[in-house]
Amino acid sequence: MANCEKILIAGFSGSGKTGLLHNLEKTSPSSEWNFSDLDQLVMKAHKVTDLASLIEIHGWEKFRIWERQELEGWLKEEGKGVLSLGGGTLSQMVLNLYRPSRKIKFCHLYSTFEDCWERLHFQNTEVRPLVRLGKSELLRIYQEREAVFSQINWKLVNSRATDLGDLSREFWREVLTS
């Protein structure tokens, strides 16, 4: 994996992708790596500060199109990078399209549904768009997405007891030694 140029962190909403991304940036062994969050890229492109409002106004279908456009643009950028995907970015189509590339690697940040729900519902000051759907609908979506996430060979587990520093060290160890 030392030769890969782009790493995409996938995981369900509330799995800790953004937190891990920030920790990876702080602990990066080299300045050649760039770090981005796909949700932030979409918000910047549409000049908004609130993802929930953007989705509410334009709908999920339009948001997914914009998300895919930003992903494609980011993958074309020069240099090495780590991108935290939105919780629903990774579809079977996206996985099939980009997984064959030896320059693009996927990392599945796994958390149980209960841990994701806890982070989304109780530890967040902002109401995430998916939380508005309710716990049972969110569980259905989680199970659906896990079927795609489970196809990723590289998996990091983020439980309630996990230290992001430990996850970051595990991430960089994998990147630098594989």
N, C-alpha and C. Protein backbone atom coordinates (compact mmCIF):
# COMPACT_ATOMS: atom_id res chain seq x y z
N MET A 1 0.82 -1.19 0.00
CA MET A 1 0.00 0.00 0.00
C MET A 1 0.86 1.25 0.00
N ALA A 2 2.14 1.09 0.24
CA ALA A 2 3.02 2.26 0.27
C ALA A 2 3.03 3.01 -1.05
N ASN A 3 2.63 2.33 -2.12
CA ASN A 3 2.62 2.97 -3.43
C ASN A 3 1.29 3.62 -3.78
N CYS A 4 0.28 3.44 -2.94
CA CYS A 4 -1.01 4.03 -3.28
C CYS A 4 -0.94 5.55 -3.15
N GLU A 5 -1.77 6.21 -3.91
CA GLU A 5 -1.80 7.67 -3.90
C GLU A 5 -3.01 8.23 -3.19
N LYS A 6 -4.10 7.48 -3.21
CA LYS A 6 -5.35 7.97 -2.61
C LYS A 6 -5.92 6.90 -1.69
N ILE A 7 -6.34 7.33 -0.52
CA ILE A 7 -6.99 6.44 0.44
C ILE A 7 -8.36 7.01 0.76
N LEU A 8 -9.38 6.18 0.58
CA LEU A 8 -10.76 6.58 0.85
C LEU A 8 -11.23 5.89 2.11
N ILE A 9 -11.60 6.68 3.12
CA ILE A 9 -12.10 6.13 4.37
C ILE A 9 -13.62 6.06 4.28
N ALA A 10 -14.14 4.85 4.33
CA ALA A 10 -15.58 4.61 4.24
C ALA A 10 -16.08 4.10 5.58
N GLY A 11 -17.31 4.38 5.88
CA GLY A 11 -17.93 3.89 7.10
C GLY A 11 -19.28 4.55 7.28
N PHE A 12 -20.08 3.98 8.13
CA PHE A 12 -21.41 4.52 8.35
C PHE A 12 -21.33 5.87 9.04
N SER A 13 -22.37 6.67 8.90
CA SER A 13 -22.45 7.95 9.60
C SER A 13 -22.30 7.70 11.10
N GLY A 14 -21.41 8.44 11.72
CA GLY A 14 -21.19 8.28 13.15
C GLY A 14 -20.11 7.26 13.48
N SER A 15 -19.47 6.71 12.47
CA SER A 15 -18.42 5.72 12.74
C SER A 15 -17.12 6.38 13.19
N GLY A 16 -17.00 7.69 12.97
CA GLY A 16 -15.81 8.41 13.42
C GLY A 16 -14.85 8.78 12.31
N LYS A 17 -15.32 8.78 11.07
CA LYS A 17 -14.44 9.07 9.93
C LYS A 17 -13.79 10.45 10.02
N THR A 18 -14.57 11.46 10.35
CA THR A 18 -14.03 12.82 10.41
C THR A 18 -13.03 12.95 11.56
N GLY A 19 -13.34 12.37 12.70
CA GLY A 19 -12.42 12.40 13.83
C GLY A 19 -11.11 11.71 13.50
N LEU A 20 -11.21 10.55 12.84
CA LEU A 20 -10.01 9.83 12.43
C LEU A 20 -9.22 10.67 11.43
N LEU A 21 -9.90 11.26 10.47
CA LEU A 21 -9.22 12.09 9.46
C LEU A 21 -8.40 13.20 10.11
N HIS A 22 -8.99 13.89 11.08
CA HIS A 22 -8.27 14.98 11.76
C HIS A 22 -7.07 14.44 12.52
N ASN A 23 -7.22 13.28 13.13
CA ASN A 23 -6.11 12.68 13.86
C ASN A 23 -5.02 12.21 12.90
N LEU A 24 -5.40 11.68 11.75
CA LEU A 24 -4.41 11.26 10.75
C LEU A 24 -3.61 12.44 10.25
N GLU A 25 -4.28 13.57 10.07
CA GLU A 25 -3.59 14.76 9.61
C GLU A 25 -2.54 15.20 10.64
N LYS A 26 -2.91 15.14 11.91
CA LYS A 26 -1.97 15.53 12.98
C LYS A 26 -0.79 14.58 13.09
N THR A 27 -1.01 13.30 12.78
CA THR A 27 0.02 12.29 12.99
C THR A 27 0.68 11.83 11.70
N SER A 28 0.41 12.52 10.60
CA SER A 28 0.96 12.11 9.31
C SER A 28 2.49 12.02 9.36
N PRO A 29 3.04 10.91 8.87
CA PRO A 29 4.50 10.76 8.88
C PRO A 29 5.19 11.58 7.79
N SER A 30 4.41 12.22 6.94
CA SER A 30 4.99 12.97 5.83
C SER A 30 4.06 14.12 5.44
N SER A 31 4.65 15.20 4.99
CA SER A 31 3.85 16.34 4.55
C SER A 31 3.30 16.15 3.14
N GLU A 32 3.63 15.04 2.49
CA GLU A 32 3.15 14.81 1.12
C GLU A 32 1.67 14.39 1.08
N TRP A 33 1.08 14.07 2.24
CA TRP A 33 -0.32 13.65 2.29
C TRP A 33 -1.23 14.84 2.49
N ASN A 34 -2.32 14.90 1.71
CA ASN A 34 -3.36 15.91 1.87
C ASN A 34 -4.59 15.23 2.46
N PHE A 35 -5.35 15.96 3.23
CA PHE A 35 -6.50 15.39 3.94
C PHE A 35 -7.75 16.20 3.63
N SER A 36 -8.82 15.50 3.27
CA SER A 36 -10.08 16.17 2.93
C SER A 36 -11.26 15.36 3.43
N ASP A 37 -12.35 16.07 3.66
CA ASP A 37 -13.62 15.47 4.06
C ASP A 37 -14.62 15.75 2.94
N LEU A 38 -15.22 14.70 2.39
CA LEU A 38 -16.10 14.87 1.24
C LEU A 38 -17.30 15.77 1.54
N ASP A 39 -17.88 15.65 2.72
CA ASP A 39 -19.00 16.53 3.07
C ASP A 39 -18.56 18.00 3.02
N GLN A 40 -17.37 18.26 3.52
CA GLN A 40 -16.85 19.64 3.50
C GLN A 40 -16.62 20.12 2.07
N LEU A 41 -16.15 19.24 1.20
CA LEU A 41 -15.93 19.61 -0.20
C LEU A 41 -17.26 19.97 -0.88
N VAL A 42 -18.30 19.20 -0.60
CA VAL A 42 -19.62 19.48 -1.17
C VAL A 42 -20.14 20.82 -0.64
N MET A 43 -20.02 21.03 0.67
CA MET A 43 -20.50 22.30 1.24
C MET A 43 -19.74 23.49 0.67
N LYS A 44 -18.44 23.34 0.51
CA LYS A 44 -17.63 24.43 -0.05
C LYS A 44 -18.05 24.72 -1.49
N ALA A 45 -18.26 23.67 -2.28
CA ALA A 45 -18.64 23.84 -3.68
C ALA A 45 -19.99 24.54 -3.82
N HIS A 46 -20.87 24.34 -2.84
CA HIS A 46 -22.21 24.94 -2.91
C HIS A 46 -22.38 26.12 -1.96
N LYS A 47 -21.24 26.55 -1.41
CA LYS A 47 -21.19 27.75 -0.57
C LYS A 47 -22.22 27.73 0.56
N VAL A 48 -22.26 26.60 1.28
CA VAL A 48 -23.15 26.48 2.44
C VAL A 48 -22.34 26.00 3.64
N THR A 49 -22.88 26.24 4.81
CA THR A 49 -22.21 25.79 6.03
C THR A 49 -23.00 24.70 6.74
N ASP A 50 -24.15 24.36 6.19
CA ASP A 50 -25.02 23.38 6.83
C ASP A 50 -25.44 22.31 5.82
N LEU A 51 -24.92 21.11 6.01
CA LEU A 51 -25.22 20.01 5.11
C LEU A 51 -26.69 19.62 5.16
N ALA A 52 -27.26 19.63 6.35
CA ALA A 52 -28.67 19.24 6.51
C ALA A 52 -29.59 20.13 5.68
N SER A 53 -29.34 21.43 5.70
CA SER A 53 -30.17 22.36 4.92
C SER A 53 -30.01 22.13 3.42
N LEU A 54 -28.77 21.88 3.00
CA LEU A 54 -28.51 21.61 1.58
C LEU A 54 -29.32 20.39 1.12
N ILE A 55 -29.30 19.34 1.92
CA ILE A 55 -30.03 18.12 1.58
C ILE A 55 -31.54 18.36 1.64
N GLU A 56 -31.96 19.09 2.64
CA GLU A 56 -33.40 19.38 2.79
C GLU A 56 -33.94 20.16 1.58
N ILE A 57 -33.18 21.11 1.11
CA ILE A 57 -33.61 21.96 -0.01
C ILE A 57 -33.56 21.20 -1.34
N HIS A 58 -32.47 20.45 -1.57
CA HIS A 58 -32.25 19.84 -2.89
C HIS A 58 -32.54 18.35 -2.94
N GLY A 59 -32.61 17.69 -1.79
CA GLY A 59 -32.90 16.26 -1.75
C GLY A 59 -31.65 15.39 -1.80
N TRP A 60 -31.84 14.15 -1.35
CA TRP A 60 -30.73 13.21 -1.28
C TRP A 60 -30.17 12.85 -2.65
N GLU A 61 -31.05 12.71 -3.63
CA GLU A 61 -30.59 12.30 -4.97
C GLU A 61 -29.63 13.32 -5.56
N LYS A 62 -29.98 14.58 -5.47
CA LYS A 62 -29.12 15.65 -5.97
C LYS A 62 -27.82 15.71 -5.16
N PHE A 63 -27.94 15.55 -3.85
CA PHE A 63 -26.75 15.56 -2.99
C PHE A 63 -25.79 14.44 -3.38
N ARG A 64 -26.31 13.24 -3.65
CA ARG A 64 -25.45 12.11 -4.05
C ARG A 64 -24.73 12.40 -5.37
N ILE A 65 -25.40 13.09 -6.27
CA ILE A 65 -24.76 13.46 -7.55
C ILE A 65 -23.59 14.42 -7.28
N TRP A 66 -23.85 15.43 -6.45
CA TRP A 66 -22.79 16.39 -6.12
C TRP A 66 -21.64 15.71 -5.39
N GLU A 67 -21.98 14.79 -4.51
CA GLU A 67 -20.98 14.05 -3.75
C GLU A 67 -20.07 13.27 -4.72
N ARG A 68 -20.68 12.61 -5.67
CA ARG A 68 -19.93 11.82 -6.65
C ARG A 68 -19.04 12.74 -7.50
N GLN A 69 -19.54 13.90 -7.88
CA GLN A 69 -18.74 14.84 -8.66
C GLN A 69 -17.51 15.30 -7.88
N GLU A 70 -17.71 15.61 -6.60
CA GLU A 70 -16.59 16.05 -5.76
C GLU A 70 -15.58 14.92 -5.56
N LEU A 71 -16.07 13.70 -5.40
CA LEU A 71 -15.18 12.54 -5.27
C LEU A 71 -14.33 12.38 -6.53
N GLU A 72 -14.97 12.43 -7.68
CA GLU A 72 -14.23 12.28 -8.94
C GLU A 72 -13.19 13.38 -9.12
N GLY A 73 -13.57 14.60 -8.76
CA GLY A 73 -12.62 15.71 -8.85
C GLY A 73 -11.44 15.53 -7.91
N TRP A 74 -11.72 15.10 -6.69
CA TRP A 74 -10.66 14.88 -5.71
C TRP A 74 -9.71 13.78 -6.16
N LEU A 75 -10.24 12.72 -6.73
CA LEU A 75 -9.39 11.61 -7.18
C LEU A 75 -8.47 12.03 -8.33
N LYS A 76 -8.84 13.05 -9.09
CA LYS A 76 -8.02 13.53 -10.20
C LYS A 76 -6.91 14.48 -9.75
N GLU A 77 -7.01 14.98 -8.53
CA GLU A 77 -5.99 15.91 -8.04
C GLU A 77 -4.65 15.20 -7.92
N GLU A 78 -3.60 15.95 -8.15
CA GLU A 78 -2.24 15.42 -8.04
C GLU A 78 -1.89 15.15 -6.58
N GLY A 79 -1.04 14.22 -6.36
CA GLY A 79 -0.48 13.97 -5.04
C GLY A 79 -1.23 12.93 -4.23
N LYS A 80 -0.67 12.65 -3.07
CA LYS A 80 -1.23 11.65 -2.16
C LYS A 80 -2.29 12.30 -1.29
N GLY A 81 -3.34 11.56 -1.01
CA GLY A 81 -4.40 12.12 -0.20
C GLY A 81 -5.22 11.08 0.53
N VAL A 82 -5.83 11.53 1.60
CA VAL A 82 -6.76 10.73 2.38
C VAL A 82 -8.08 11.49 2.39
N LEU A 83 -9.16 10.81 2.00
CA LEU A 83 -10.47 11.43 1.92
C LEU A 83 -11.45 10.65 2.79
N SER A 84 -12.10 11.36 3.68
CA SER A 84 -13.20 10.79 4.46
C SER A 84 -14.46 10.91 3.64
N LEU A 85 -15.04 9.77 3.28
CA LEU A 85 -16.27 9.76 2.48
C LEU A 85 -17.47 10.04 3.35
N GLY A 86 -18.53 10.52 2.74
CA GLY A 86 -19.80 10.62 3.44
C GLY A 86 -20.29 9.21 3.74
N GLY A 87 -21.13 9.06 4.72
CA GLY A 87 -21.59 7.74 5.14
C GLY A 87 -22.28 6.94 4.04
N GLY A 88 -22.88 7.62 3.08
CA GLY A 88 -23.59 6.92 2.02
C GLY A 88 -22.93 7.02 0.66
N THR A 89 -21.71 7.53 0.62
CA THR A 89 -21.03 7.72 -0.66
C THR A 89 -20.71 6.39 -1.33
N LEU A 90 -20.28 5.45 -0.52
CA LEU A 90 -19.79 4.19 -1.08
C LEU A 90 -20.95 3.28 -1.46
N SER A 91 -21.20 3.20 -2.74
CA SER A 91 -22.21 2.29 -3.28
C SER A 91 -21.46 1.14 -3.95
N GLN A 92 -22.19 0.12 -4.34
CA GLN A 92 -21.57 -0.99 -5.06
C GLN A 92 -20.92 -0.49 -6.34
N MET A 93 -21.58 0.44 -7.02
CA MET A 93 -21.05 0.99 -8.26
C MET A 93 -19.71 1.70 -8.02
N VAL A 94 -19.65 2.55 -6.99
CA VAL A 94 -18.41 3.29 -6.70
C VAL A 94 -17.31 2.31 -6.31
N LEU A 95 -17.63 1.33 -5.50
CA LEU A 95 -16.64 0.33 -5.09
C LEU A 95 -16.11 -0.42 -6.31
N ASN A 96 -16.99 -0.87 -7.18
CA ASN A 96 -16.57 -1.61 -8.37
C ASN A 96 -15.76 -0.75 -9.33
N LEU A 97 -16.08 0.53 -9.39
CA LEU A 97 -15.40 1.44 -10.30
C LEU A 97 -13.96 1.73 -9.86
N TYR A 98 -13.76 1.96 -8.56
CA TYR A 98 -12.45 2.41 -8.09
C TYR A 98 -11.59 1.34 -7.42
N ARG A 99 -12.18 0.27 -6.95
CA ARG A 99 -11.40 -0.75 -6.24
C ARG A 99 -10.31 -1.39 -7.09
N PRO A 100 -10.52 -1.59 -8.40
CA PRO A 100 -9.46 -2.22 -9.20
C PRO A 100 -8.17 -1.40 -9.31
N SER A 101 -8.24 -0.11 -9.04
CA SER A 101 -7.06 0.74 -9.15
C SER A 101 -6.08 0.45 -8.03
N ARG A 102 -4.82 0.24 -8.40
CA ARG A 102 -3.81 0.00 -7.37
C ARG A 102 -3.38 1.30 -6.69
N LYS A 103 -3.80 2.43 -7.25
CA LYS A 103 -3.44 3.72 -6.66
C LYS A 103 -4.49 4.22 -5.67
N ILE A 104 -5.65 3.56 -5.64
CA ILE A 104 -6.73 3.94 -4.74
C ILE A 104 -7.01 2.78 -3.79
N LYS A 105 -6.96 3.05 -2.49
CA LYS A 105 -7.25 2.02 -1.49
C LYS A 105 -8.42 2.47 -0.62
N PHE A 106 -9.21 1.51 -0.22
CA PHE A 106 -10.35 1.76 0.64
C PHE A 106 -10.03 1.27 2.04
N CYS A 107 -10.41 2.05 3.02
CA CYS A 107 -10.31 1.66 4.43
C CYS A 107 -11.71 1.74 5.02
N HIS A 108 -12.18 0.64 5.58
CA HIS A 108 -13.50 0.62 6.21
C HIS A 108 -13.33 0.91 7.69
N LEU A 109 -13.85 2.03 8.14
CA LEU A 109 -13.86 2.34 9.56
C LEU A 109 -15.17 1.78 10.12
N TYR A 110 -15.05 0.67 10.80
CA TYR A 110 -16.23 -0.05 11.28
C TYR A 110 -16.58 0.36 12.71
N SER A 111 -17.85 0.59 12.93
CA SER A 111 -18.42 0.78 14.27
C SER A 111 -19.76 0.05 14.28
N THR A 112 -20.12 -0.46 15.44
CA THR A 112 -21.43 -1.10 15.55
C THR A 112 -22.52 -0.07 15.34
N PHE A 113 -23.71 -0.54 15.03
CA PHE A 113 -24.82 0.39 14.86
C PHE A 113 -25.06 1.17 16.14
N GLU A 114 -25.03 0.50 17.28
CA GLU A 114 -25.29 1.19 18.55
C GLU A 114 -24.27 2.28 18.82
N ASP A 115 -22.99 2.04 18.50
CA ASP A 115 -21.98 3.07 18.68
C ASP A 115 -22.22 4.25 17.73
N CYS A 116 -22.58 3.95 16.49
CA CYS A 116 -22.89 5.03 15.53
C CYS A 116 -24.10 5.83 16.01
N TRP A 117 -25.15 5.13 16.43
CA TRP A 117 -26.35 5.80 16.91
C TRP A 117 -26.03 6.70 18.10
N GLU A 118 -25.23 6.20 19.01
CA GLU A 118 -24.83 6.97 20.19
C GLU A 118 -24.13 8.26 19.77
N ARG A 119 -23.19 8.14 18.86
CA ARG A 119 -22.44 9.32 18.41
C ARG A 119 -23.34 10.30 17.65
N LEU A 120 -24.20 9.77 16.79
CA LEU A 120 -25.06 10.63 15.98
C LEU A 120 -26.14 11.32 16.80
N HIS A 121 -26.75 10.56 17.68
CA HIS A 121 -27.93 11.06 18.37
C HIS A 121 -27.61 11.79 19.68
N PHE A 122 -26.63 11.30 20.41
CA PHE A 122 -26.42 11.85 21.75
C PHE A 122 -25.16 12.68 21.91
N GLN A 123 -24.17 12.47 21.06
CA GLN A 123 -22.90 13.18 21.23
C GLN A 123 -22.73 14.34 20.27
N ASN A 124 -23.71 14.58 19.45
CA ASN A 124 -23.62 15.62 18.43
C ASN A 124 -24.51 16.80 18.79
N THR A 125 -23.97 17.99 18.63
CA THR A 125 -24.79 19.17 18.89
C THR A 125 -25.69 19.49 17.71
N GLU A 126 -25.25 19.12 16.50
CA GLU A 126 -26.07 19.35 15.31
C GLU A 126 -26.86 18.08 15.00
N VAL A 127 -28.05 18.26 14.48
CA VAL A 127 -28.87 17.12 14.10
C VAL A 127 -28.43 16.69 12.71
N ARG A 128 -27.89 15.48 12.62
CA ARG A 128 -27.46 14.95 11.34
C ARG A 128 -28.67 14.58 10.50
N PRO A 129 -28.58 14.74 9.18
CA PRO A 129 -29.73 14.46 8.30
C PRO A 129 -30.32 13.06 8.49
N LEU A 130 -29.48 12.05 8.64
CA LEU A 130 -30.00 10.69 8.78
C LEU A 130 -30.75 10.47 10.09
N VAL A 131 -30.36 11.15 11.13
CA VAL A 131 -31.01 10.97 12.43
C VAL A 131 -32.49 11.33 12.35
N ARG A 132 -32.81 12.28 11.49
CA ARG A 132 -34.20 12.71 11.33
C ARG A 132 -35.09 11.57 10.83
N LEU A 133 -34.49 10.53 10.25
CA LEU A 133 -35.26 9.39 9.74
C LEU A 133 -35.71 8.45 10.84
N GLY A 134 -35.08 8.54 12.01
CA GLY A 134 -35.43 7.67 13.12
C GLY A 134 -34.51 6.46 13.22
N LYS A 135 -34.47 5.88 14.41
CA LYS A 135 -33.53 4.80 14.69
C LYS A 135 -33.80 3.55 13.86
N SER A 136 -35.04 3.13 13.70
CA SER A 136 -35.31 1.90 12.97
C SER A 136 -34.95 2.04 11.48
N GLU A 137 -35.23 3.20 10.88
CA GLU A 137 -34.86 3.41 9.48
C GLU A 137 -33.35 3.51 9.34
N LEU A 138 -32.71 4.11 10.32
CA LEU A 138 -31.25 4.21 10.30
C LEU A 138 -30.62 2.82 10.40
N LEU A 139 -31.18 1.95 11.21
CA LEU A 139 -30.69 0.57 11.32
C LEU A 139 -30.81 -0.15 9.98
N ARG A 140 -31.92 0.04 9.29
CA ARG A 140 -32.10 -0.59 7.99
C ARG A 140 -31.03 -0.11 7.01
N ILE A 141 -30.76 1.19 7.01
CA ILE A 141 -29.75 1.77 6.12
C ILE A 141 -28.36 1.25 6.50
N TYR A 142 -28.10 1.17 7.79
CA TYR A 142 -26.82 0.65 8.28
C TYR A 142 -26.58 -0.76 7.75
N GLN A 143 -27.57 -1.62 7.87
CA GLN A 143 -27.43 -3.01 7.41
C GLN A 143 -27.20 -3.07 5.90
N GLU A 144 -27.90 -2.24 5.17
CA GLU A 144 -27.74 -2.17 3.72
C GLU A 144 -26.32 -1.74 3.34
N ARG A 145 -25.83 -0.72 4.00
CA ARG A 145 -24.50 -0.19 3.68
C ARG A 145 -23.39 -1.12 4.15
N GLU A 146 -23.59 -1.80 5.26
CA GLU A 146 -22.57 -2.73 5.75
C GLU A 146 -22.32 -3.85 4.75
N ALA A 147 -23.33 -4.20 3.96
CA ALA A 147 -23.15 -5.22 2.92
C ALA A 147 -22.11 -4.77 1.90
N VAL A 148 -22.05 -3.49 1.62
CA VAL A 148 -21.04 -2.94 0.71
C VAL A 148 -19.71 -2.76 1.45
N PHE A 149 -19.76 -2.17 2.64
CA PHE A 149 -18.52 -1.94 3.41
C PHE A 149 -17.77 -3.24 3.68
N SER A 150 -18.50 -4.32 3.90
CA SER A 150 -17.87 -5.60 4.25
C SER A 150 -17.01 -6.15 3.12
N GLN A 151 -17.12 -5.60 1.92
CA GLN A 151 -16.31 -6.05 0.79
C GLN A 151 -14.92 -5.41 0.78
N ILE A 152 -14.69 -4.48 1.69
CA ILE A 152 -13.39 -3.81 1.79
C ILE A 152 -12.49 -4.66 2.67
N ASN A 153 -11.30 -4.98 2.16
CA ASN A 153 -10.38 -5.86 2.90
C ASN A 153 -9.73 -5.19 4.10
N TRP A 154 -9.46 -3.89 4.01
CA TRP A 154 -8.76 -3.17 5.08
C TRP A 154 -9.80 -2.57 6.01
N LYS A 155 -9.81 -3.06 7.24
CA LYS A 155 -10.83 -2.63 8.20
C LYS A 155 -10.18 -2.18 9.50
N LEU A 156 -10.61 -1.03 9.98
CA LEU A 156 -10.24 -0.54 11.30
C LEU A 156 -11.52 -0.52 12.14
N VAL A 157 -11.42 -0.92 13.39
CA VAL A 157 -12.59 -0.97 14.26
C VAL A 157 -12.55 0.19 15.24
N ASN A 158 -13.62 0.97 15.26
CA ASN A 158 -13.73 2.11 16.16
C ASN A 158 -14.90 1.85 17.12
N SER A 159 -14.58 1.40 18.32
CA SER A 159 -15.61 1.16 19.34
C SER A 159 -15.63 2.35 20.30
N ARG A 160 -16.52 2.29 21.25
CA ARG A 160 -16.58 3.38 22.25
C ARG A 160 -15.28 3.52 23.02
N ALA A 161 -14.56 2.41 23.17
CA ALA A 161 -13.33 2.41 23.96
C ALA A 161 -12.09 2.70 23.13
N THR A 162 -12.24 2.84 21.83
CA THR A 162 -11.08 3.03 20.95
C THR A 162 -10.50 4.42 21.10
N ASP A 163 -9.19 4.47 21.11
CA ASP A 163 -8.46 5.73 21.14
C ASP A 163 -8.09 6.09 19.69
N LEU A 164 -8.43 7.30 19.26
CA LEU A 164 -8.13 7.69 17.88
C LEU A 164 -6.64 7.69 17.58
N GLY A 165 -5.84 7.93 18.60
CA GLY A 165 -4.38 7.86 18.41
C GLY A 165 -3.96 6.45 18.05
N ASP A 166 -4.55 5.45 18.71
CA ASP A 166 -4.24 4.05 18.39
C ASP A 166 -4.70 3.71 16.97
N LEU A 167 -5.89 4.18 16.61
CA LEU A 167 -6.39 3.93 15.25
C LEU A 167 -5.48 4.57 14.21
N SER A 168 -5.02 5.78 14.48
CA SER A 168 -4.14 6.48 13.54
C SER A 168 -2.82 5.73 13.38
N ARG A 169 -2.26 5.25 14.47
CA ARG A 169 -1.00 4.49 14.38
C ARG A 169 -1.21 3.21 13.56
N GLU A 170 -2.34 2.55 13.80
CA GLU A 170 -2.65 1.34 13.04
C GLU A 170 -2.81 1.67 11.54
N PHE A 171 -3.47 2.78 11.25
CA PHE A 171 -3.67 3.23 9.86
C PHE A 171 -2.32 3.46 9.19
N TRP A 172 -1.46 4.27 9.80
CA TRP A 172 -0.18 4.61 9.18
C TRP A 172 0.72 3.39 9.08
N ARG A 173 0.68 2.50 10.05
CA ARG A 173 1.46 1.28 9.98
C ARG A 173 1.08 0.47 8.74
N GLU A 174 -0.23 0.37 8.49
CA GLU A 174 -0.74 -0.34 7.32
C GLU A 174 -0.30 0.35 6.03
N VAL A 175 -0.40 1.67 5.99
CA VAL A 175 -0.04 2.42 4.79
C VAL A 175 1.45 2.29 4.47
N LEU A 176 2.27 2.37 5.48
CA LEU A 176 3.72 2.41 5.26
C LEU A 176 4.36 1.04 5.09
N THR A 177 3.71 -0.02 5.53
CA THR A 177 4.35 -1.34 5.48
C THR A 177 3.76 -2.28 4.44
N SER A 178 2.61 -1.96 3.91
CA SER A 178 2.00 -2.89 2.94
C SER A 178 2.45 -2.61 1.53
